[in-house]
Protein backbone atom coordinates (compact mmCIF):
# COMPACT_ATOMS: atom_id res chain seq x y z
CA UNK A 1 0.00 0.00 0.00
CA UNK A 2 1.22 3.49 -0.83
CA UNK A 3 2.11 5.68 2.17
CA UNK A 4 1.78 9.45 2.00
CA UNK A 5 3.64 11.57 4.55
CA UNK A 6 2.00 14.91 5.34
CA UNK A 7 4.29 17.13 7.43
CA UNK A 8 3.19 20.12 9.44
CA UNK A 9 4.25 23.75 9.50
CA UNK A 10 7.90 24.23 8.48
CA UNK A 11 8.18 20.65 7.27
CA UNK A 12 9.88 17.77 9.12
CA UNK A 13 13.67 17.87 9.35
CA UNK A 14 16.12 15.01 8.74
CA UNK A 15 15.93 13.67 12.33
CA UNK A 16 12.14 13.73 12.50
CA UNK A 17 10.38 10.36 12.60
CA UNK A 18 8.47 11.25 9.42
CA UNK A 19 11.75 11.72 7.57
CA UNK A 20 13.23 8.53 9.03
CA UNK A 21 10.14 6.54 8.06
CA UNK A 22 10.31 8.02 4.57
CA UNK A 23 13.73 6.42 4.14
CA UNK A 24 12.54 3.05 5.51
CA UNK A 25 9.05 2.39 4.17
CA UNK A 26 8.37 1.00 0.68
CA UNK A 27 6.32 3.03 -1.80
CA UNK A 28 6.32 6.19 0.29
CA UNK A 29 6.01 9.82 -0.77
CA UNK A 30 6.16 13.14 1.08
CA UNK A 31 3.69 15.87 0.18
CA UNK A 32 5.81 18.87 -0.81
CA UNK A 33 4.58 22.41 -0.27
CA UNK A 34 5.78 25.53 -2.08
CA UNK A 35 5.76 27.58 1.12
CA UNK A 36 6.42 25.80 4.42
CA UNK A 37 6.79 29.03 6.44
CA UNK A 38 3.62 30.94 5.55
CA UNK A 39 1.10 28.14 4.84
CA UNK A 40 -2.08 28.83 2.91
CA UNK A 41 -4.88 26.32 3.01
CA UNK A 42 -5.76 26.40 -0.69
CA UNK A 43 -2.19 25.70 -1.80
CA UNK A 44 -1.55 23.04 0.83
CA UNK A 45 -4.82 21.30 0.05
CA UNK A 46 -4.14 21.33 -3.70
CA UNK A 47 -0.73 19.71 -3.23
CA UNK A 48 -2.13 17.09 -0.84
CA UNK A 49 -5.13 16.20 -2.98
CA UNK A 50 -2.97 15.91 -6.09
CA UNK A 51 -0.64 13.52 -4.26
CA UNK A 52 -3.55 11.37 -3.07
CA UNK A 53 -5.19 11.22 -6.50
CA UNK A 54 -1.95 10.75 -8.45
CA UNK A 55 -2.45 6.98 -8.46
CA UNK A 56 -5.59 4.85 -8.26
CA UNK A 57 -4.70 2.63 -5.30
CA UNK A 58 -5.68 3.53 -1.71
CA UNK A 59 -3.21 5.44 0.44
CA UNK A 60 -2.17 5.34 4.06
CA UNK A 61 -1.74 8.86 5.45
CA UNK A 62 0.90 9.77 8.04
CA UNK A 63 0.25 13.32 9.25
CA UNK A 64 1.94 15.45 11.90
CA UNK A 65 0.82 18.72 13.48
CA UNK A 66 -0.74 20.99 10.81
CA UNK A 67 -0.76 17.96 8.50
CA UNK A 68 -3.52 16.49 10.68
CA UNK A 69 -5.65 19.57 10.07
CA UNK A 70 -5.00 19.23 6.34
CA UNK A 71 -6.41 15.69 6.52
CA UNK A 72 -9.55 16.96 8.26
CA UNK A 73 -10.10 19.39 5.36
CA UNK A 74 -9.82 16.77 2.59
CA UNK A 75 -12.62 16.83 -0.01
CA UNK A 76 -14.70 13.71 -0.64
CA UNK A 77 -12.88 12.69 -3.79
CA UNK A 78 -9.61 12.50 -1.86
CA UNK A 79 -11.20 10.91 1.22
CA UNK A 80 -12.45 8.08 -0.99
CA UNK A 81 -8.85 7.07 -1.79
CA UNK A 82 -7.71 6.94 1.85
CA UNK A 83 -7.41 3.54 3.52
CA UNK A 84 -6.50 4.91 6.97
CA UNK A 85 -4.65 7.79 8.64
CA UNK A 86 -2.20 8.15 11.51
CA UNK A 87 -2.71 11.65 12.94
CA UNK A 88 0.04 12.73 15.32
CA UNK A 89 0.10 15.81 17.58
CA UNK A 90 -2.54 17.86 15.74
CA UNK A 91 -2.12 21.62 15.58
CA UNK A 92 -4.51 24.24 16.90
CA UNK A 93 -4.66 26.81 14.08
CA UNK A 94 -7.07 29.04 15.98
CA UNK A 95 -4.39 29.98 18.53
CA UNK A 96 -1.54 30.69 16.10
CA UNK A 97 -1.86 33.61 13.72
CA UNK A 98 0.39 32.07 11.05
CA UNK A 99 -1.92 29.04 10.82
CA UNK A 100 -5.25 30.85 10.99
CA UNK A 101 -6.07 30.16 7.33
CA UNK A 102 -6.72 26.55 8.36
CA UNK A 103 -9.37 27.56 10.90
CA UNK A 104 -12.03 26.67 11.71
CA UNK A 105 -11.08 23.01 11.98
CA UNK A 106 -13.72 20.69 10.47
CA UNK A 107 -15.48 18.48 12.99
CA UNK A 108 -17.06 16.06 10.52
CA UNK A 109 -16.42 12.35 11.05
CA UNK A 110 -13.73 10.98 8.77
CA UNK A 111 -15.00 8.19 6.48
CA UNK A 112 -11.86 6.09 6.98
CA UNK A 113 -10.16 4.49 9.96
CA UNK A 114 -7.82 6.79 11.89
CA UNK A 115 -5.69 6.86 15.01
CA UNK A 116 -4.94 10.18 16.69
CA UNK A 117 -1.86 10.34 18.93
CA UNK A 118 -1.79 13.22 21.42
CA UNK A 119 0.57 14.26 24.19
CA UNK A 120 -0.51 15.46 27.62
CA UNK A 121 1.93 18.39 27.47
CA UNK A 122 1.95 19.36 23.79
CA UNK A 123 2.78 23.10 23.73
CA UNK A 124 0.89 23.58 20.47
CA UNK A 125 -2.43 21.88 21.25
CA UNK A 126 -4.04 21.14 24.65
CA UNK A 127 -4.71 17.42 25.10
CA UNK A 128 -8.39 18.12 25.74
CA UNK A 129 -8.67 19.80 22.34
CA UNK A 130 -6.88 16.86 20.71
CA UNK A 131 -9.40 14.60 22.41
CA UNK A 132 -12.23 16.70 21.01
CA UNK A 133 -10.73 16.30 17.53
CA UNK A 134 -10.60 12.53 18.03
CA UNK A 135 -14.25 12.35 19.08
CA UNK A 136 -15.38 14.51 16.17
CA UNK A 137 -13.31 12.69 13.55
CA UNK A 138 -14.14 9.21 14.87
CA UNK A 139 -10.47 8.51 15.58
CA UNK A 140 -9.09 6.09 18.12
CA UNK A 141 -7.20 8.22 20.65
CA UNK A 142 -3.77 7.24 21.92
CA UNK A 143 -2.68 9.61 24.69
CA UNK A 144 1.05 9.76 25.49
CA UNK A 145 2.22 11.21 28.83
CA UNK A 146 4.59 14.17 28.63
CA UNK A 147 5.60 13.53 25.00
CA UNK A 148 5.75 17.19 23.95
CA UNK A 149 4.97 17.80 20.29
CA UNK A 150 6.10 14.25 19.43
CA UNK A 151 9.00 15.51 17.34
CA UNK A 152 12.79 15.78 17.48
CA UNK A 153 12.71 18.34 20.29
CA UNK A 154 10.74 15.93 22.49
CA UNK A 155 13.13 13.06 21.78
CA UNK A 156 11.08 11.22 19.17
CA UNK A 157 13.46 10.08 16.49
CA UNK A 158 12.64 6.77 14.83
CA UNK A 159 9.62 6.37 17.18
CA UNK A 160 8.94 2.61 16.96
CA UNK A 161 5.65 2.94 18.88
CA UNK A 162 4.26 5.14 16.12
CA UNK A 163 5.46 2.75 13.44
CA UNK A 164 3.60 -0.07 15.20
CA UNK A 165 0.43 2.03 15.17
CA UNK A 166 0.93 2.63 11.45
CA UNK A 167 1.33 -1.10 10.80
CA UNK A 168 -1.89 -1.79 12.68
CA UNK A 169 -3.75 0.73 10.54
CA UNK A 170 -2.27 -0.71 7.35
CA UNK A 171 -3.48 -4.22 8.17
CA UNK A 172 -6.92 -3.16 9.43
CA UNK A 173 -9.86 -4.08 7.25
CA UNK A 174 -12.85 -3.19 9.43
CA UNK A 175 -14.89 -0.01 9.58
CA UNK A 176 -13.65 3.09 11.44
CA UNK A 177 -14.10 2.81 15.17
CA UNK A 178 -15.45 5.49 17.52
CA UNK A 179 -12.92 7.41 19.53
CA UNK A 180 -11.93 6.08 22.92
CA UNK A 181 -11.60 9.35 24.82
CA UNK A 182 -11.79 9.89 28.55
CA UNK A 183 -11.45 13.57 29.48
CA UNK A 184 -9.48 14.52 32.57
CA UNK A 185 -11.58 13.83 35.68
CA UNK A 186 -11.45 17.39 36.94
CA UNK A 187 -12.60 18.76 33.58
CA UNK A 188 -15.01 16.08 32.42
CA UNK A 189 -17.89 18.52 32.12
CA UNK A 190 -16.00 21.74 31.54
CA UNK A 191 -15.99 23.56 28.19
CA UNK A 192 -12.83 23.28 26.13
CA UNK A 193 -10.50 26.18 26.95
CA UNK A 194 -9.14 28.39 24.23
CA UNK A 195 -5.66 29.54 25.22
CA UNK A 196 -4.56 33.01 24.25
CA UNK A 197 -2.74 33.38 20.94
CA UNK A 198 0.99 32.84 21.02
CA UNK A 199 3.75 34.26 18.86
CA UNK A 200 4.86 32.19 15.89
CA UNK A 201 7.69 29.71 16.40
CA UNK A 202 8.64 26.46 14.77
CA UNK A 203 6.29 23.60 15.57
CA UNK A 204 7.66 20.85 13.35
């Protein structure tokens, strides 16, 4: 099965697990963007959709950060080609001015199987918001304790746990499952907070 890597804002560097997987997996391609620093939704979506539709066989998506939000915006024709998606450390475009073109984030259920991996201390997206994404998209939620943005800065190089999750998605043949999300006990009935906007800095 073809694997499509969808990096986030500012791309994924050579030590990032997406880049390492790209050198290891068979039949893999990275979605390239013309502007990684000042992303615009129309351009990013066009590049991603073209990559998905370039060949007729189904694709396995591997998205990180803003790449997860790109997946949530996919049109139906592209969704129909997706076998499954691994969505890691989704971004929160509503709290970062440079990413605001990707807001609001769609909350429609994805028509394919997906696993969303979130960290309890991700500086770019509160874990409760990531859990809300998982519930809305119908993703299975995997919550990692204190894993940062699940990138090089947080010590995630080759990241074998993520690769195992990808293998499970690749071999799955059943329908998408509902999210398994348990909000923090103290905030189980509280509205999702919206942190104040932060200045732009690299999130990849």
